[in-house]
Amino acid sequence: MVSLSDLSPEEREAVRSLARALSYFARERAYGYIDRLANAFSILTARHVLTEMLRDLKSERDRGADVWIPKGNEVEKVLEIAEKDLSILKVVASLALAYGW
């Protein structure tokens, strides 16, 4: 199981950025993306969830919501980590919930 202390500074920042983006849904009490990411059973599922999440965040921003959208390289970095160990996605989800309060 991966923890933040196991990651490089760049990887930790990518994880935090993705969690910050997901925290929007926690604040809105819309936990679907957070739950689906935490419970992803494959990297393909994780990619699908992240694609949907990013699309919805961009739509929310277009409607005037104040949302954080992670950089592409940050999303790629988290997916690289997840390819080795999916448990990092539970860390992202947990941080998103914590940031959302």
PDB file of N, CA and C in Angstrom:
ATOM      1  N   MET A   1       0.846  -1.179   0.000  1.00  0.00           N
ATOM      2  CA  MET A   1       0.000   0.000   0.000  1.00  0.00           C
ATOM      3  C   MET A   1       0.892   1.243   0.000  1.00  0.00           C
ATOM      4  N   VAL A   2       0.588   2.168  -0.887  1.00  0.00           N
ATOM      5  CA  VAL A   2       1.373   3.387  -1.054  1.00  0.00           C
ATOM      6  C   VAL A   2       0.867   4.454  -0.081  1.00  0.00           C
ATOM      7  N   SER A   3       1.794   5.194   0.503  1.00  0.00           N
ATOM      8  CA  SER A   3       1.427   6.344   1.325  1.00  0.00           C
ATOM      9  C   SER A   3       2.119   7.575   0.745  1.00  0.00           C
ATOM     10  N   LEU A   4       1.691   8.735   1.175  1.00  0.00           N
ATOM     11  CA  LEU A   4       2.286   9.966   0.658  1.00  0.00           C
ATOM     12  C   LEU A   4       3.783  10.036   0.937  1.00  0.00           C
ATOM     13  N   SER A   5       4.205   9.492   2.059  1.00  0.00           N
ATOM     14  CA  SER A   5       5.626   9.550   2.414  1.00  0.00           C
ATOM     15  C   SER A   5       6.490   8.701   1.484  1.00  0.00           C
ATOM     16  N   ASP A   6       5.881   7.782   0.758  1.00  0.00           N
ATOM     17  CA  ASP A   6       6.611   6.943  -0.191  1.00  0.00           C
ATOM     18  C   ASP A   6       6.866   7.657  -1.518  1.00  0.00           C
ATOM     19  N   LEU A   7       6.213   8.788  -1.727  1.00  0.00           N
ATOM     20  CA  LEU A   7       6.242   9.458  -3.023  1.00  0.00           C
ATOM     21  C   LEU A   7       7.267  10.576  -3.069  1.00  0.00           C
ATOM     22  N   SER A   8       7.693  10.885  -4.272  1.00  0.00           N
ATOM     23  CA  SER A   8       8.580  12.029  -4.478  1.00  0.00           C
ATOM     24  C   SER A   8       7.778  13.309  -4.277  1.00  0.00           C
ATOM     25  N   PRO A   9       8.444  14.444  -4.068  1.00  0.00           N
ATOM     26  CA  PRO A   9       7.706  15.708  -3.934  1.00  0.00           C
ATOM     27  C   PRO A   9       6.784  15.990  -5.120  1.00  0.00           C
ATOM     28  N   GLU A  10       7.248  15.705  -6.325  1.00  0.00           N
ATOM     29  CA  GLU A  10       6.422  15.920  -7.519  1.00  0.00           C
ATOM     30  C   GLU A  10       5.188  15.017  -7.501  1.00  0.00           C
ATOM     31  N   GLU A  11       5.364  13.776  -7.100  1.00  0.00           N
ATOM     32  CA  GLU A  11       4.231  12.850  -7.032  1.00  0.00           C
ATOM     33  C   GLU A  11       3.246  13.271  -5.952  1.00  0.00           C
ATOM     34  N   ARG A  12       3.748  13.706  -4.793  1.00  0.00           N
ATOM     35  CA  ARG A  12       2.866  14.176  -3.718  1.00  0.00           C
ATOM     36  C   ARG A  12       2.044  15.375  -4.174  1.00  0.00           C
ATOM     37  N   GLU A  13       2.674  16.290  -4.885  1.00  0.00           N
ATOM     38  CA  GLU A  13       1.953  17.467  -5.379  1.00  0.00           C
ATOM     39  C   GLU A  13       0.866  17.059  -6.371  1.00  0.00           C
ATOM     40  N   ALA A  14       1.146  16.082  -7.212  1.00  0.00           N
ATOM     41  CA  ALA A  14       0.150  15.604  -8.176  1.00  0.00           C
ATOM     42  C   ALA A  14      -1.040  14.974  -7.446  1.00  0.00           C
ATOM     43  N   VAL A  15      -0.762  14.183  -6.435  1.00  0.00           N
ATOM     44  CA  VAL A  15      -1.830  13.549  -5.646  1.00  0.00           C
ATOM     45  C   VAL A  15      -2.677  14.622  -4.972  1.00  0.00           C
ATOM     46  N   ARG A  16      -2.031  15.600  -4.377  1.00  0.00           N
ATOM     47  CA  ARG A  16      -2.767  16.672  -3.687  1.00  0.00           C
ATOM     48  C   ARG A  16      -3.594  17.505  -4.671  1.00  0.00           C
ATOM     49  N   SER A  17      -3.063  17.741  -5.852  1.00  0.00           N
ATOM     50  CA  SER A  17      -3.784  18.520  -6.851  1.00  0.00           C
ATOM     51  C   SER A  17      -5.052  17.789  -7.296  1.00  0.00           C
ATOM     52  N   LEU A  18      -4.931  16.498  -7.524  1.00  0.00           N
ATOM     53  CA  LEU A  18      -6.091  15.714  -7.930  1.00  0.00           C
ATOM     54  C   LEU A  18      -7.119  15.656  -6.801  1.00  0.00           C
ATOM     55  N   ALA A  19      -6.641  15.499  -5.575  1.00  0.00           N
ATOM     56  CA  ALA A  19      -7.546  15.483  -4.421  1.00  0.00           C
ATOM     57  C   ALA A  19      -8.252  16.825  -4.268  1.00  0.00           C
ATOM     58  N   ARG A  20      -7.525  17.895  -4.502  1.00  0.00           N
ATOM     59  CA  ARG A  20      -8.124  19.236  -4.421  1.00  0.00           C
ATOM     60  C   ARG A  20      -9.247  19.375  -5.445  1.00  0.00           C
ATOM     61  N   ALA A  21      -9.026  18.868  -6.641  1.00  0.00           N
ATOM     62  CA  ALA A  21     -10.065  18.918  -7.671  1.00  0.00           C
ATOM     63  C   ALA A  21     -11.293  18.107  -7.242  1.00  0.00           C
ATOM     64  N   LEU A  22     -11.061  16.921  -6.737  1.00  0.00           N
ATOM     65  CA  LEU A  22     -12.168  16.060  -6.294  1.00  0.00           C
ATOM     66  C   LEU A  22     -12.909  16.639  -5.093  1.00  0.00           C
ATOM     67  N   SER A  23     -12.229  17.471  -4.309  1.00  0.00           N
ATOM     68  CA  SER A  23     -12.865  18.022  -3.111  1.00  0.00           C
ATOM     69  C   SER A  23     -14.076  18.886  -3.460  1.00  0.00           C
ATOM     70  N   TYR A  24     -14.114  19.403  -4.683  1.00  0.00           N
ATOM     71  CA  TYR A  24     -15.295  20.154  -5.125  1.00  0.00           C
ATOM     72  C   TYR A  24     -16.546  19.293  -4.978  1.00  0.00           C
ATOM     73  N   PHE A  25     -16.437  18.035  -5.384  1.00  0.00           N
ATOM     74  CA  PHE A  25     -17.592  17.139  -5.312  1.00  0.00           C
ATOM     75  C   PHE A  25     -17.933  16.794  -3.869  1.00  0.00           C
ATOM     76  N   ALA A  26     -16.929  16.703  -2.995  1.00  0.00           N
ATOM     77  CA  ALA A  26     -17.197  16.462  -1.577  1.00  0.00           C
ATOM     78  C   ALA A  26     -17.964  17.642  -0.984  1.00  0.00           C
ATOM     79  N   ARG A  27     -17.546  18.855  -1.315  1.00  0.00           N
ATOM     80  CA  ARG A  27     -18.240  20.042  -0.811  1.00  0.00           C
ATOM     81  C   ARG A  27     -19.687  20.098  -1.303  1.00  0.00           C
ATOM     82  N   GLU A  28     -19.906  19.600  -2.511  1.00  0.00           N
ATOM     83  CA  GLU A  28     -21.249  19.595  -3.095  1.00  0.00           C
ATOM     84  C   GLU A  28     -22.074  18.377  -2.660  1.00  0.00           C
ATOM     85  N   ARG A  29     -21.493  17.536  -1.843  1.00  0.00           N
ATOM     86  CA  ARG A  29     -22.137  16.295  -1.367  1.00  0.00           C
ATOM     87  C   ARG A  29     -22.483  15.357  -2.526  1.00  0.00           C
ATOM     88  N   ALA A  30     -21.632  15.377  -3.548  1.00  0.00           N
ATOM     89  CA  ALA A  30     -21.777  14.502  -4.715  1.00  0.00           C
ATOM     90  C   ALA A  30     -20.569  13.559  -4.716  1.00  0.00           C
ATOM     91  N   TYR A  31     -20.707  12.447  -4.037  1.00  0.00           N
ATOM     92  CA  TYR A  31     -19.564  11.584  -3.743  1.00  0.00           C
ATOM     93  C   TYR A  31     -19.286  10.517  -4.808  1.00  0.00           C
ATOM     94  N   GLY A  32     -20.022  10.525  -5.884  1.00  0.00           N
ATOM     95  CA  GLY A  32     -19.898   9.470  -6.892  1.00  0.00           C
ATOM     96  C   GLY A  32     -18.485   9.294  -7.425  1.00  0.00           C
ATOM     97  N   TYR A  33     -17.867  10.360  -7.871  1.00  0.00           N
ATOM     98  CA  TYR A  33     -16.508  10.242  -8.422  1.00  0.00           C
ATOM     99  C   TYR A  33     -15.508   9.802  -7.356  1.00  0.00           C
ATOM    100  N   ILE A  34     -15.655  10.340  -6.165  1.00  0.00           N
ATOM    101  CA  ILE A  34     -14.739   9.976  -5.081  1.00  0.00           C
ATOM    102  C   ILE A  34     -14.861   8.499  -4.769  1.00  0.00           C
ATOM    103  N   ASP A  35     -16.079   8.015  -4.630  1.00  0.00           N
ATOM    104  CA  ASP A  35     -16.305   6.599  -4.326  1.00  0.00           C
ATOM    105  C   ASP A  35     -15.818   5.694  -5.454  1.00  0.00           C
ATOM    106  N   ARG A  36     -16.148   6.079  -6.683  1.00  0.00           N
ATOM    107  CA  ARG A  36     -15.751   5.240  -7.822  1.00  0.00           C
ATOM    108  C   ARG A  36     -14.235   5.184  -7.967  1.00  0.00           C
ATOM    109  N   LEU A  37     -13.562   6.286  -7.704  1.00  0.00           N
ATOM    110  CA  LEU A  37     -12.106   6.293  -7.792  1.00  0.00           C
ATOM    111  C   LEU A  37     -11.490   5.462  -6.673  1.00  0.00           C
ATOM    112  N   ALA A  38     -11.990   5.628  -5.460  1.00  0.00           N
ATOM    113  CA  ALA A  38     -11.461   4.871  -4.323  1.00  0.00           C
ATOM    114  C   ALA A  38     -11.640   3.371  -4.516  1.00  0.00           C
ATOM    115  N   ASN A  39     -12.699   2.987  -5.207  1.00  0.00           N
ATOM    116  CA  ASN A  39     -13.012   1.569  -5.387  1.00  0.00           C
ATOM    117  C   ASN A  39     -12.654   1.038  -6.768  1.00  0.00           C
ATOM    118  N   ALA A  40     -11.881   1.797  -7.526  1.00  0.00           N
ATOM    119  CA  ALA A  40     -11.496   1.351  -8.876  1.00  0.00           C
ATOM    120  C   ALA A  40     -10.736   0.032  -8.782  1.00  0.00           C
ATOM    121  N   PHE A  41     -11.145  -0.927  -9.571  1.00  0.00           N
ATOM    122  CA  PHE A  41     -10.524  -2.249  -9.544  1.00  0.00           C
ATOM    123  C   PHE A  41      -9.511  -2.443 -10.664  1.00  0.00           C
ATOM    124  N   SER A  42      -9.381  -1.424 -11.519  1.00  0.00           N
ATOM    125  CA  SER A  42      -8.393  -1.511 -12.592  1.00  0.00           C
ATOM    126  C   SER A  42      -7.981  -0.103 -12.997  1.00  0.00           C
ATOM    127  N   ILE A  43      -6.868  -0.021 -13.662  1.00  0.00           N
ATOM    128  CA  ILE A  43      -6.398   1.281 -14.140  1.00  0.00           C
ATOM    129  C   ILE A  43      -7.342   1.827 -15.212  1.00  0.00           C
ATOM    130  N   LEU A  44      -7.960   0.947 -15.975  1.00  0.00           N
ATOM    131  CA  LEU A  44      -8.923   1.393 -16.990  1.00  0.00           C
ATOM    132  C   LEU A  44     -10.122   2.074 -16.348  1.00  0.00           C
ATOM    133  N   THR A  45     -10.593   1.502 -15.253  1.00  0.00           N
ATOM    134  CA  THR A  45     -11.702   2.116 -14.524  1.00  0.00           C
ATOM    135  C   THR A  45     -11.287   3.476 -13.993  1.00  0.00           C
ATOM    136  N   ALA A  46     -10.101   3.562 -13.422  1.00  0.00           N
ATOM    137  CA  ALA A  46      -9.599   4.825 -12.879  1.00  0.00           C
ATOM    138  C   ALA A  46      -9.517   5.885 -13.976  1.00  0.00           C
ATOM    139  N   ARG A  47      -9.009   5.524 -15.134  1.00  0.00           N
ATOM    140  CA  ARG A  47      -8.908   6.473 -16.244  1.00  0.00           C
ATOM    141  C   ARG A  47     -10.286   6.977 -16.660  1.00  0.00           C
ATOM    142  N   HIS A  48     -11.232   6.068 -16.722  1.00  0.00           N
ATOM    143  CA  HIS A  48     -12.597   6.424 -17.113  1.00  0.00           C
ATOM    144  C   HIS A  48     -13.202   7.405 -16.100  1.00  0.00           C
ATOM    145  N   VAL A  49     -13.053   7.108 -14.813  1.00  0.00           N
ATOM    146  CA  VAL A  49     -13.590   7.973 -13.765  1.00  0.00           C
ATOM    147  C   VAL A  49     -12.947   9.356 -13.842  1.00  0.00           C
ATOM    148  N   LEU A  50     -11.627   9.400 -14.001  1.00  0.00           N
ATOM    149  CA  LEU A  50     -10.935  10.690 -14.066  1.00  0.00           C
ATOM    150  C   LEU A  50     -11.348  11.497 -15.293  1.00  0.00           C
ATOM    151  N   THR A  51     -11.547  10.832 -16.410  1.00  0.00           N
ATOM    152  CA  THR A  51     -11.995  11.529 -17.616  1.00  0.00           C
ATOM    153  C   THR A  51     -13.358  12.169 -17.396  1.00  0.00           C
ATOM    154  N   GLU A  52     -14.289  11.422 -16.814  1.00  0.00           N
ATOM    155  CA  GLU A  52     -15.619  11.962 -16.537  1.00  0.00           C
ATOM    156  C   GLU A  52     -15.550  13.113 -15.539  1.00  0.00           C
ATOM    157  N   MET A  53     -14.740  12.931 -14.493  1.00  0.00           N
ATOM    158  CA  MET A  53     -14.605  13.951 -13.466  1.00  0.00           C
ATOM    159  C   MET A  53     -14.067  15.248 -14.053  1.00  0.00           C
ATOM    160  N   LEU A  54     -13.007  15.148 -14.848  1.00  0.00           N
ATOM    161  CA  LEU A  54     -12.415  16.342 -15.449  1.00  0.00           C
ATOM    162  C   LEU A  54     -13.391  17.051 -16.381  1.00  0.00           C
ATOM    163  N   ARG A  55     -14.137  16.275 -17.131  1.00  0.00           N
ATOM    164  CA  ARG A  55     -15.139  16.868 -18.027  1.00  0.00           C
ATOM    165  C   ARG A  55     -16.192  17.630 -17.224  1.00  0.00           C
ATOM    166  N   ASP A  56     -16.656  17.037 -16.118  1.00  0.00           N
ATOM    167  CA  ASP A  56     -17.651  17.717 -15.281  1.00  0.00           C
ATOM    168  C   ASP A  56     -17.075  18.954 -14.602  1.00  0.00           C
ATOM    169  N   LEU A  57     -15.828  18.885 -14.174  1.00  0.00           N
ATOM    170  CA  LEU A  57     -15.199  20.064 -13.568  1.00  0.00           C
ATOM    171  C   LEU A  57     -15.097  21.207 -14.570  1.00  0.00           C
ATOM    172  N   LYS A  58     -14.737  20.883 -15.789  1.00  0.00           N
ATOM    173  CA  LYS A  58     -14.648  21.928 -16.818  1.00  0.00           C
ATOM    174  C   LYS A  58     -16.026  22.522 -17.103  1.00  0.00           C
ATOM    175  N   SER A  59     -17.045  21.695 -17.109  1.00  0.00           N
ATOM    176  CA  SER A  59     -18.409  22.206 -17.299  1.00  0.00           C
ATOM    177  C   SER A  59     -18.819  23.113 -16.145  1.00  0.00           C
ATOM    178  N   GLU A  60     -18.479  22.702 -14.940  1.00  0.00           N
ATOM    179  CA  GLU A  60     -18.791  23.528 -13.772  1.00  0.00           C
ATOM    180  C   GLU A  60     -18.063  24.876 -13.848  1.00  0.00           C
ATOM    181  N   ARG A  61     -16.809  24.856 -14.245  1.00  0.00           N
ATOM    182  CA  ARG A  61     -16.050  26.100 -14.386  1.00  0.00           C
ATOM    183  C   ARG A  61     -16.683  26.990 -15.451  1.00  0.00           C
ATOM    184  N   ASP A  62     -17.129  26.386 -16.551  1.00  0.00           N
ATOM    185  CA  ASP A  62     -17.777  27.155 -17.620  1.00  0.00           C
ATOM    186  C   ASP A  62     -19.067  27.809 -17.135  1.00  0.00           C
ATOM    187  N   ARG A  63     -19.713  27.195 -16.128  1.00  0.00           N
ATOM    188  CA  ARG A  63     -20.943  27.764 -15.556  1.00  0.00           C
ATOM    189  C   ARG A  63     -20.645  28.776 -14.446  1.00  0.00           C
ATOM    190  N   GLY A  64     -19.360  29.010 -14.186  1.00  0.00           N
ATOM    191  CA  GLY A  64     -18.993  30.027 -13.211  1.00  0.00           C
ATOM    192  C   GLY A  64     -18.573  29.517 -11.846  1.00  0.00           C
ATOM    193  N   ALA A  65     -18.555  28.203 -11.646  1.00  0.00           N
ATOM    194  CA  ALA A  65     -18.137  27.658 -10.353  1.00  0.00           C
ATOM    195  C   ALA A  65     -16.633  27.841 -10.160  1.00  0.00           C
ATOM    196  N   ASP A  66     -16.243  28.034  -8.918  1.00  0.00           N
ATOM    197  CA  ASP A  66     -14.829  28.170  -8.571  1.00  0.00           C
ATOM    198  C   ASP A  66     -14.281  26.767  -8.310  1.00  0.00           C
ATOM    199  N   VAL A  67     -13.713  26.172  -9.327  1.00  0.00           N
ATOM    200  CA  VAL A  67     -13.199  24.797  -9.205  1.00  0.00           C
ATOM    201  C   VAL A  67     -11.710  24.758  -9.538  1.00  0.00           C
ATOM    202  N   TRP A  68     -11.041  23.796  -8.960  1.00  0.00           N
ATOM    203  CA  TRP A  68      -9.635  23.536  -9.245  1.00  0.00           C
ATOM    204  C   TRP A  68      -9.568  22.457 -10.302  1.00  0.00           C
ATOM    205  N   ILE A  69      -8.807  22.682 -11.341  1.00  0.00           N
ATOM    206  CA  ILE A  69      -8.602  21.659 -12.366  1.00  0.00           C
ATOM    207  C   ILE A  69      -7.112  21.344 -12.399  1.00  0.00           C
ATOM    208  N   PRO A  70      -6.754  20.090 -12.127  1.00  0.00           N
ATOM    209  CA  PRO A  70      -5.329  19.739 -12.115  1.00  0.00           C
ATOM    210  C   PRO A  70      -4.731  19.820 -13.512  1.00  0.00           C
ATOM    211  N   LYS A  71      -3.432  20.023 -13.545  1.00  0.00           N
ATOM    212  CA  LYS A  71      -2.713  20.049 -14.816  1.00  0.00           C
ATOM    213  C   LYS A  71      -2.651  18.637 -15.387  1.00  0.00           C
ATOM    214  N   GLY A  72      -2.525  18.570 -16.704  1.00  0.00           N
ATOM    215  CA  GLY A  72      -2.457  17.271 -17.370  1.00  0.00           C
ATOM    216  C   GLY A  72      -1.332  16.403 -16.860  1.00  0.00           C
ATOM    217  N   ASN A  73      -0.158  17.001 -16.619  1.00  0.00           N
ATOM    218  CA  ASN A  73       0.969  16.196 -16.152  1.00  0.00           C
ATOM    219  C   ASN A  73       0.730  15.662 -14.743  1.00  0.00           C
ATOM    220  N   GLU A  74      -0.083  16.364 -13.942  1.00  0.00           N
ATOM    221  CA  GLU A  74      -0.411  15.865 -12.601  1.00  0.00           C
ATOM    222  C   GLU A  74      -1.331  14.651 -12.690  1.00  0.00           C
ATOM    223  N   VAL A  75      -2.297  14.711 -13.583  1.00  0.00           N
ATOM    224  CA  VAL A  75      -3.184  13.559 -13.776  1.00  0.00           C
ATOM    225  C   VAL A  75      -2.370  12.368 -14.287  1.00  0.00           C
ATOM    226  N   GLU A  76      -1.500  12.612 -15.242  1.00  0.00           N
ATOM    227  CA  GLU A  76      -0.644  11.544 -15.771  1.00  0.00           C
ATOM    228  C   GLU A  76       0.212  10.926 -14.677  1.00  0.00           C
ATOM    229  N   LYS A  77       0.759  11.755 -13.794  1.00  0.00           N
ATOM    230  CA  LYS A  77       1.627  11.272 -12.723  1.00  0.00           C
ATOM    231  C   LYS A  77       0.844  10.359 -11.776  1.00  0.00           C
ATOM    232  N   VAL A  78      -0.354  10.763 -11.409  1.00  0.00           N
ATOM    233  CA  VAL A  78      -1.172   9.929 -10.523  1.00  0.00           C
ATOM    234  C   VAL A  78      -1.529   8.621 -11.210  1.00  0.00           C
ATOM    235  N   LEU A  79      -1.832   8.672 -12.486  1.00  0.00           N
ATOM    236  CA  LEU A  79      -2.142   7.430 -13.207  1.00  0.00           C
ATOM    237  C   LEU A  79      -0.920   6.517 -13.290  1.00  0.00           C
ATOM    238  N   GLU A  80       0.261   7.080 -13.442  1.00  0.00           N
ATOM    239  CA  GLU A  80       1.484   6.267 -13.443  1.00  0.00           C
ATOM    240  C   GLU A  80       1.663   5.555 -12.109  1.00  0.00           C
ATOM    241  N   ILE A  81       1.429   6.272 -11.025  1.00  0.00           N
ATOM    242  CA  ILE A  81       1.533   5.664  -9.697  1.00  0.00           C
ATOM    243  C   ILE A  81       0.478   4.573  -9.550  1.00  0.00           C
ATOM    244  N   ALA A  82      -0.747   4.875  -9.985  1.00  0.00           N
ATOM    245  CA  ALA A  82      -1.854   3.918  -9.862  1.00  0.00           C
ATOM    246  C   ALA A  82      -1.616   2.660 -10.683  1.00  0.00           C
ATOM    247  N   GLU A  83      -0.910   2.776 -11.813  1.00  0.00           N
ATOM    248  CA  GLU A  83      -0.604   1.586 -12.608  1.00  0.00           C
ATOM    249  C   GLU A  83       0.238   0.591 -11.811  1.00  0.00           C
ATOM    250  N   LYS A  84       1.057   1.115 -10.901  1.00  0.00           N
ATOM    251  CA  LYS A  84       1.898   0.264 -10.058  1.00  0.00           C
ATOM    252  C   LYS A  84       1.156  -0.202  -8.811  1.00  0.00           C
ATOM    253  N   ASP A  85       0.285   0.679  -8.280  1.00  0.00           N
ATOM    254  CA  ASP A  85      -0.419   0.369  -7.036  1.00  0.00           C
ATOM    255  C   ASP A  85      -1.702   1.200  -6.967  1.00  0.00           C
ATOM    256  N   LEU A  86      -2.830   0.526  -7.176  1.00  0.00           N
ATOM    257  CA  LEU A  86      -4.117   1.216  -7.185  1.00  0.00           C
ATOM    258  C   LEU A  86      -4.472   1.835  -5.837  1.00  0.00           C
ATOM    259  N   SER A  87      -3.806   1.426  -4.775  1.00  0.00           N
ATOM    260  CA  SER A  87      -4.156   1.948  -3.450  1.00  0.00           C
ATOM    261  C   SER A  87      -3.935   3.456  -3.348  1.00  0.00           C
ATOM    262  N   ILE A  88      -3.134   4.030  -4.221  1.00  0.00           N
ATOM    263  CA  ILE A  88      -2.933   5.482  -4.199  1.00  0.00           C
ATOM    264  C   ILE A  88      -4.250   6.210  -4.445  1.00  0.00           C
ATOM    265  N   LEU A  89      -5.159   5.570  -5.145  1.00  0.00           N
ATOM    266  CA  LEU A  89      -6.447   6.199  -5.432  1.00  0.00           C
ATOM    267  C   LEU A  89      -7.288   6.344  -4.167  1.00  0.00           C
ATOM    268  N   LYS A  90      -7.109   5.438  -3.219  1.00  0.00           N
ATOM    269  CA  LYS A  90      -7.785   5.569  -1.926  1.00  0.00           C
ATOM    270  C   LYS A  90      -7.217   6.754  -1.157  1.00  0.00           C
ATOM    271  N   VAL A  91      -5.927   6.995  -1.298  1.00  0.00           N
ATOM    272  CA  VAL A  91      -5.306   8.160  -0.669  1.00  0.00           C
ATOM    273  C   VAL A  91      -5.887   9.436  -1.277  1.00  0.00           C
ATOM    274  N   VAL A  92      -5.972   9.479  -2.598  1.00  0.00           N
ATOM    275  CA  VAL A  92      -6.548  10.644  -3.284  1.00  0.00           C
ATOM    276  C   VAL A  92      -7.971  10.885  -2.800  1.00  0.00           C
ATOM    277  N   ALA A  93      -8.768   9.831  -2.735  1.00  0.00           N
ATOM    278  CA  ALA A  93     -10.160   9.964  -2.310  1.00  0.00           C
ATOM    279  C   ALA A  93     -10.254  10.441  -0.865  1.00  0.00           C
ATOM    280  N   SER A  94      -9.428   9.907   0.006  1.00  0.00           N
ATOM    281  CA  SER A  94      -9.439  10.311   1.413  1.00  0.00           C
ATOM    282  C   SER A  94      -9.064  11.784   1.561  1.00  0.00           C
ATOM    283  N   LEU A  95      -8.041  12.206   0.836  1.00  0.00           N
ATOM    284  CA  LEU A  95      -7.657  13.618   0.875  1.00  0.00           C
ATOM    285  C   LEU A  95      -8.774  14.515   0.338  1.00  0.00           C
ATOM    286  N   ALA A  96      -9.426  14.069  -0.713  1.00  0.00           N
ATOM    287  CA  ALA A  96     -10.524  14.860  -1.289  1.00  0.00           C
ATOM    288  C   ALA A  96     -11.624  15.077  -0.250  1.00  0.00           C
ATOM    289  N   LEU A  97     -11.946  14.036   0.484  1.00  0.00           N
ATOM    290  CA  LEU A  97     -12.961  14.180   1.524  1.00  0.00           C
ATOM    291  C   LEU A  97     -12.501  15.126   2.623  1.00  0.00           C
ATOM    292  N   ALA A  98     -11.232  15.020   2.993  1.00  0.00           N
ATOM    293  CA  ALA A  98     -10.705  15.910   4.031  1.00  0.00           C
ATOM    294  C   ALA A  98     -10.674  17.360   3.560  1.00  0.00           C
ATOM    295  N   TYR A  99     -10.272  17.579   2.327  1.00  0.00           N
ATOM    296  CA  TYR A  99     -10.214  18.941   1.787  1.00  0.00           C
ATOM    297  C   TYR A  99     -11.617  19.511   1.587  1.00  0.00           C
ATOM    298  N   GLY A 100     -12.586  18.633   1.382  1.00  0.00           N
ATOM    299  CA  GLY A 100     -13.950  19.071   1.101  1.00  0.00           C
ATOM    300  C   GLY A 100     -14.715  19.593   2.296  1.00  0.00           C
ATOM    301  N   TRP A 101     -14.191  19.397   3.475  1.00  0.00           N
ATOM    302  CA  TRP A 101     -14.895  19.867   4.674  1.00  0.00           C
ATOM    303  C   TRP A 101     -14.480  21.239   4.939  1.00  0.00           C
TER     304      TRP A 101
END
